[in-house]
Amino acid sequence: MHIGPVRRISWLEDDSGFLSLGWDLNVYLWKLDLAKRKEEPDKYKSSVNDEKTKKITNPVWEFKLKNVDFTAIKAYRDGESYSFYLTAGDKTLRELSGKDNVYKEKFRLEQ
């Protein structure tokens, strides 16, 4: 997987990783403590990594929408789960939420 230059970064509140927004219009979640996670691969499933080998690598999650130019990102922790807020050039605000590296679009606001 080739990941291009980074436009924006938003650190997770517990400093365990960060979100990056690339010029390729994709949002990636990176984790810094992958050495610990390799010991318990079933607990940390990923939408990006190979489910057959259970190999955990960075990025652990990605989000992309065709023809949507994301302009800003912010991570917010609510208890055990995170929510990610994304603004886009199409005048929308999206909230992605979930846990265990599986985040789905919860709502979308348009101007």
N, C-alpha and C. Protein backbone atom coordinates (compact mmCIF):
# COMPACT_ATOMS: atom_id res chain seq x y z
N MET A 1 0.85 -1.17 0.00
CA MET A 1 0.00 0.00 0.00
C MET A 1 0.90 1.23 0.00
N HIS A 2 0.64 2.12 -0.92
CA HIS A 2 1.39 3.38 -0.97
C HIS A 2 0.51 4.50 -0.43
N ILE A 3 1.05 5.21 0.55
CA ILE A 3 0.33 6.33 1.13
C ILE A 3 1.12 7.59 0.84
N GLY A 4 0.45 8.57 0.25
CA GLY A 4 1.11 9.79 -0.18
C GLY A 4 1.33 10.79 0.94
N PRO A 5 1.67 12.01 0.58
CA PRO A 5 1.93 13.07 1.55
C PRO A 5 0.72 13.36 2.44
N VAL A 6 0.99 13.81 3.64
CA VAL A 6 -0.04 14.07 4.65
C VAL A 6 -0.43 15.54 4.64
N ARG A 7 -1.74 15.81 4.69
CA ARG A 7 -2.26 17.18 4.76
C ARG A 7 -2.53 17.60 6.20
N ARG A 8 -3.13 16.71 6.99
CA ARG A 8 -3.53 17.03 8.36
C ARG A 8 -3.30 15.82 9.26
N ILE A 9 -3.07 16.09 10.55
CA ILE A 9 -2.95 15.05 11.56
C ILE A 9 -3.77 15.46 12.78
N SER A 10 -4.45 14.49 13.39
CA SER A 10 -5.17 14.71 14.64
C SER A 10 -4.81 13.57 15.59
N TRP A 11 -4.15 13.89 16.70
CA TRP A 11 -3.74 12.88 17.67
C TRP A 11 -4.95 12.39 18.46
N LEU A 12 -4.95 11.10 18.79
CA LEU A 12 -5.96 10.54 19.68
C LEU A 12 -5.72 11.09 21.08
N GLU A 13 -6.76 11.25 21.87
CA GLU A 13 -6.63 11.90 23.18
C GLU A 13 -5.69 11.17 24.12
N ASP A 14 -5.56 9.84 23.99
CA ASP A 14 -4.66 9.10 24.87
C ASP A 14 -3.26 8.94 24.26
N ASP A 15 -2.99 9.62 23.17
CA ASP A 15 -1.70 9.59 22.48
C ASP A 15 -1.28 8.20 22.02
N SER A 16 -2.25 7.29 21.84
CA SER A 16 -1.92 5.94 21.39
C SER A 16 -1.81 5.86 19.87
N GLY A 17 -2.14 6.94 19.20
CA GLY A 17 -2.06 6.97 17.75
C GLY A 17 -2.61 8.28 17.21
N PHE A 18 -2.84 8.32 15.92
CA PHE A 18 -3.33 9.55 15.30
C PHE A 18 -4.07 9.24 14.01
N LEU A 19 -4.86 10.20 13.58
CA LEU A 19 -5.53 10.16 12.28
C LEU A 19 -4.70 11.00 11.32
N SER A 20 -4.58 10.55 10.11
CA SER A 20 -3.92 11.38 9.10
C SER A 20 -4.86 11.53 7.91
N LEU A 21 -4.81 12.70 7.33
CA LEU A 21 -5.58 13.02 6.14
C LEU A 21 -4.56 13.28 5.04
N GLY A 22 -4.61 12.45 4.00
CA GLY A 22 -3.61 12.56 2.95
C GLY A 22 -4.10 13.32 1.74
N TRP A 23 -3.16 13.69 0.89
CA TRP A 23 -3.49 14.34 -0.38
C TRP A 23 -4.21 13.37 -1.31
N ASP A 24 -4.17 12.07 -0.97
CA ASP A 24 -4.90 11.07 -1.77
C ASP A 24 -6.37 11.01 -1.39
N LEU A 25 -6.83 11.94 -0.51
CA LEU A 25 -8.21 12.09 -0.07
C LEU A 25 -8.66 11.00 0.90
N ASN A 26 -7.74 10.19 1.41
CA ASN A 26 -8.07 9.13 2.35
C ASN A 26 -7.73 9.54 3.78
N VAL A 27 -8.49 8.98 4.73
CA VAL A 27 -8.23 9.18 6.15
C VAL A 27 -7.73 7.86 6.70
N TYR A 28 -6.62 7.91 7.45
CA TYR A 28 -6.02 6.70 8.01
C TYR A 28 -5.90 6.83 9.52
N LEU A 29 -6.08 5.70 10.22
CA LEU A 29 -5.84 5.63 11.65
C LEU A 29 -4.57 4.83 11.87
N TRP A 30 -3.65 5.43 12.61
CA TRP A 30 -2.35 4.82 12.91
C TRP A 30 -2.28 4.56 14.41
N LYS A 31 -1.76 3.42 14.80
CA LYS A 31 -1.58 3.08 16.22
C LYS A 31 -0.10 2.94 16.51
N LEU A 32 0.32 3.44 17.67
CA LEU A 32 1.73 3.41 18.03
C LEU A 32 2.10 2.19 18.85
N ASP A 33 1.15 1.46 19.42
CA ASP A 33 1.44 0.34 20.29
C ASP A 33 1.17 -1.01 19.65
N LEU A 34 1.59 -1.19 18.42
CA LEU A 34 1.30 -2.44 17.71
C LEU A 34 2.02 -3.64 18.31
N ALA A 35 3.15 -3.45 18.99
CA ALA A 35 3.87 -4.58 19.59
C ALA A 35 2.98 -5.29 20.60
N LYS A 36 2.24 -4.54 21.42
CA LYS A 36 1.31 -5.13 22.38
C LYS A 36 0.16 -5.82 21.67
N ARG A 37 -0.31 -5.23 20.60
CA ARG A 37 -1.48 -5.74 19.90
C ARG A 37 -1.20 -7.06 19.19
N LYS A 38 0.04 -7.33 18.84
CA LYS A 38 0.36 -8.59 18.16
C LYS A 38 0.13 -9.78 19.08
N GLU A 39 0.16 -9.56 20.39
CA GLU A 39 -0.04 -10.65 21.33
C GLU A 39 -1.50 -11.09 21.39
N GLU A 40 -2.45 -10.19 21.07
CA GLU A 40 -3.87 -10.49 21.11
C GLU A 40 -4.53 -10.10 19.79
N PRO A 41 -4.21 -10.79 18.70
CA PRO A 41 -4.69 -10.34 17.40
C PRO A 41 -6.20 -10.37 17.22
N ASP A 42 -6.90 -11.28 17.89
CA ASP A 42 -8.35 -11.35 17.70
C ASP A 42 -9.07 -10.14 18.27
N LYS A 43 -8.49 -9.52 19.29
CA LYS A 43 -9.12 -8.37 19.94
C LYS A 43 -9.03 -7.11 19.07
N TYR A 44 -8.02 -7.04 18.21
CA TYR A 44 -7.78 -5.83 17.44
C TYR A 44 -7.90 -6.10 15.96
N LYS A 45 -9.08 -6.39 15.50
CA LYS A 45 -9.29 -6.62 14.08
C LYS A 45 -9.24 -5.30 13.34
N SER A 46 -8.92 -5.35 12.10
CA SER A 46 -8.73 -4.15 11.32
C SER A 46 -9.41 -4.27 9.97
N SER A 47 -9.89 -3.16 9.46
CA SER A 47 -10.50 -3.17 8.14
C SER A 47 -9.46 -3.11 7.03
N VAL A 48 -8.21 -2.81 7.37
CA VAL A 48 -7.16 -2.66 6.37
C VAL A 48 -6.28 -3.90 6.31
N ASN A 49 -6.04 -4.54 7.45
CA ASN A 49 -5.08 -5.63 7.54
C ASN A 49 -5.68 -6.96 7.11
N ASP A 50 -4.80 -7.91 6.86
CA ASP A 50 -5.19 -9.23 6.37
C ASP A 50 -5.82 -10.05 7.48
N GLU A 51 -7.11 -10.37 7.33
CA GLU A 51 -7.83 -11.12 8.35
C GLU A 51 -7.37 -12.58 8.41
N LYS A 52 -6.81 -13.11 7.33
CA LYS A 52 -6.39 -14.51 7.32
C LYS A 52 -5.15 -14.72 8.18
N THR A 53 -4.20 -13.82 8.08
CA THR A 53 -2.95 -13.98 8.84
C THR A 53 -3.00 -13.30 10.19
N LYS A 54 -4.01 -12.43 10.41
CA LYS A 54 -4.14 -11.66 11.65
C LYS A 54 -2.95 -10.74 11.88
N LYS A 55 -2.23 -10.41 10.82
CA LYS A 55 -1.09 -9.53 10.95
C LYS A 55 -1.57 -8.09 11.11
N ILE A 56 -1.14 -7.44 12.16
CA ILE A 56 -1.56 -6.07 12.44
C ILE A 56 -0.45 -5.12 11.99
N THR A 57 -0.75 -4.25 11.05
CA THR A 57 0.22 -3.28 10.56
C THR A 57 -0.46 -1.92 10.44
N ASN A 58 0.33 -0.91 10.30
CA ASN A 58 -0.20 0.44 10.10
C ASN A 58 -0.40 0.72 8.63
N PRO A 59 -1.41 1.44 8.25
CA PRO A 59 -2.49 1.96 9.10
C PRO A 59 -3.45 0.84 9.46
N VAL A 60 -4.09 0.95 10.63
CA VAL A 60 -5.00 -0.10 11.08
C VAL A 60 -6.41 0.10 10.53
N TRP A 61 -6.69 1.28 10.01
CA TRP A 61 -8.02 1.56 9.48
C TRP A 61 -7.91 2.69 8.46
N GLU A 62 -8.79 2.66 7.46
CA GLU A 62 -8.83 3.74 6.49
C GLU A 62 -10.27 4.04 6.11
N PHE A 63 -10.50 5.28 5.68
CA PHE A 63 -11.82 5.71 5.24
C PHE A 63 -11.63 6.56 4.00
N LYS A 64 -12.40 6.26 2.97
CA LYS A 64 -12.33 7.05 1.74
C LYS A 64 -13.69 7.08 1.08
N LEU A 65 -13.96 8.18 0.44
CA LEU A 65 -15.16 8.34 -0.37
C LEU A 65 -14.73 8.90 -1.71
N LYS A 66 -15.24 8.32 -2.76
CA LYS A 66 -14.87 8.76 -4.10
C LYS A 66 -15.30 10.21 -4.32
N ASN A 67 -14.39 11.02 -4.84
CA ASN A 67 -14.62 12.41 -5.19
C ASN A 67 -14.98 13.31 -4.02
N VAL A 68 -14.60 12.94 -2.79
CA VAL A 68 -14.83 13.79 -1.63
C VAL A 68 -13.47 14.25 -1.13
N ASP A 69 -13.27 15.57 -1.10
CA ASP A 69 -12.01 16.17 -0.68
C ASP A 69 -12.12 16.57 0.79
N PHE A 70 -11.63 15.74 1.69
CA PHE A 70 -11.67 16.06 3.11
C PHE A 70 -10.67 17.18 3.40
N THR A 71 -11.09 18.12 4.24
CA THR A 71 -10.25 19.29 4.52
C THR A 71 -9.74 19.35 5.95
N ALA A 72 -10.45 18.74 6.90
CA ALA A 72 -10.02 18.76 8.29
C ALA A 72 -10.53 17.52 9.00
N ILE A 73 -9.80 17.10 10.05
CA ILE A 73 -10.17 15.93 10.84
C ILE A 73 -9.97 16.22 12.31
N LYS A 74 -10.75 15.57 13.14
CA LYS A 74 -10.60 15.69 14.60
C LYS A 74 -11.07 14.40 15.23
N ALA A 75 -10.29 13.90 16.19
CA ALA A 75 -10.65 12.69 16.94
C ALA A 75 -11.18 13.10 18.30
N TYR A 76 -12.23 12.43 18.75
CA TYR A 76 -12.83 12.71 20.06
C TYR A 76 -13.13 11.38 20.73
N ARG A 77 -12.76 11.25 21.99
CA ARG A 77 -13.00 10.01 22.73
C ARG A 77 -14.20 10.17 23.64
N ASP A 78 -15.13 9.22 23.53
CA ASP A 78 -16.32 9.21 24.37
C ASP A 78 -16.34 7.86 25.09
N GLY A 79 -15.78 7.81 26.29
CA GLY A 79 -15.69 6.55 27.01
C GLY A 79 -14.66 5.64 26.38
N GLU A 80 -15.10 4.46 25.95
CA GLU A 80 -14.19 3.47 25.37
C GLU A 80 -14.05 3.60 23.85
N SER A 81 -14.93 4.37 23.24
CA SER A 81 -14.90 4.45 21.78
C SER A 81 -14.52 5.86 21.33
N TYR A 82 -14.08 5.93 20.09
CA TYR A 82 -13.71 7.20 19.47
C TYR A 82 -14.75 7.61 18.44
N SER A 83 -14.87 8.90 18.24
CA SER A 83 -15.61 9.46 17.13
C SER A 83 -14.64 10.33 16.35
N PHE A 84 -14.77 10.31 15.04
CA PHE A 84 -13.94 11.13 14.17
C PHE A 84 -14.84 12.08 13.40
N TYR A 85 -14.44 13.33 13.36
CA TYR A 85 -15.21 14.35 12.65
C TYR A 85 -14.40 14.80 11.44
N LEU A 86 -15.05 14.81 10.29
CA LEU A 86 -14.41 15.16 9.03
C LEU A 86 -15.19 16.25 8.33
N THR A 87 -14.50 17.30 7.92
CA THR A 87 -15.14 18.30 7.07
C THR A 87 -14.63 18.07 5.65
N ALA A 88 -15.46 18.46 4.69
CA ALA A 88 -15.11 18.21 3.30
C ALA A 88 -15.41 19.43 2.44
N GLY A 89 -14.78 19.46 1.28
CA GLY A 89 -14.97 20.54 0.34
C GLY A 89 -16.39 20.63 -0.21
N ASP A 90 -17.18 19.59 -0.04
CA ASP A 90 -18.58 19.62 -0.52
C ASP A 90 -19.51 20.22 0.54
N LYS A 91 -18.95 20.95 1.51
CA LYS A 91 -19.68 21.64 2.58
C LYS A 91 -20.45 20.68 3.47
N THR A 92 -19.80 19.56 3.83
CA THR A 92 -20.41 18.59 4.72
C THR A 92 -19.55 18.39 5.96
N LEU A 93 -20.19 17.93 7.01
CA LEU A 93 -19.52 17.49 8.23
C LEU A 93 -19.99 16.06 8.47
N ARG A 94 -19.03 15.15 8.62
CA ARG A 94 -19.37 13.75 8.85
C ARG A 94 -18.82 13.31 10.20
N GLU A 95 -19.60 12.47 10.89
CA GLU A 95 -19.12 11.84 12.11
C GLU A 95 -19.01 10.35 11.85
N LEU A 96 -17.83 9.81 12.13
CA LEU A 96 -17.60 8.37 12.06
C LEU A 96 -17.43 7.90 13.49
N SER A 97 -18.10 6.82 13.86
CA SER A 97 -17.95 6.34 15.23
C SER A 97 -17.94 4.82 15.25
N GLY A 98 -17.44 4.29 16.35
CA GLY A 98 -17.35 2.85 16.54
C GLY A 98 -16.21 2.54 17.47
N LYS A 99 -15.82 1.26 17.51
CA LYS A 99 -14.67 0.87 18.31
C LYS A 99 -14.02 -0.36 17.70
N ASP A 100 -12.89 -0.74 18.24
CA ASP A 100 -12.11 -1.87 17.73
C ASP A 100 -11.73 -1.68 16.27
N ASN A 101 -11.40 -0.46 15.89
CA ASN A 101 -10.92 -0.12 14.55
C ASN A 101 -11.94 -0.38 13.45
N VAL A 102 -13.22 -0.38 13.80
CA VAL A 102 -14.30 -0.48 12.81
C VAL A 102 -15.19 0.74 13.02
N TYR A 103 -15.04 1.73 12.16
CA TYR A 103 -15.77 2.98 12.29
C TYR A 103 -16.67 3.15 11.09
N LYS A 104 -17.90 3.50 11.33
CA LYS A 104 -18.89 3.68 10.27
C LYS A 104 -19.44 5.10 10.32
N GLU A 105 -19.89 5.59 9.19
CA GLU A 105 -20.46 6.93 9.13
C GLU A 105 -21.76 6.94 9.94
N LYS A 106 -21.81 7.80 10.96
CA LYS A 106 -22.98 7.88 11.82
C LYS A 106 -23.96 8.92 11.31
N PHE A 107 -23.45 10.10 10.97
CA PHE A 107 -24.32 11.12 10.37
C PHE A 107 -23.53 12.04 9.46
N ARG A 108 -24.30 12.75 8.63
CA ARG A 108 -23.71 13.69 7.68
C ARG A 108 -24.58 14.93 7.67
N LEU A 109 -23.95 16.07 7.87
CA LEU A 109 -24.65 17.35 7.82
C LEU A 109 -24.23 18.09 6.56
N GLU A 110 -25.21 18.67 5.89
CA GLU A 110 -24.92 19.44 4.69
C GLU A 110 -25.37 20.87 4.87
N GLN A 111 -24.69 21.79 4.19
CA GLN A 111 -25.06 23.19 4.26
C GLN A 111 -26.11 23.49 3.25
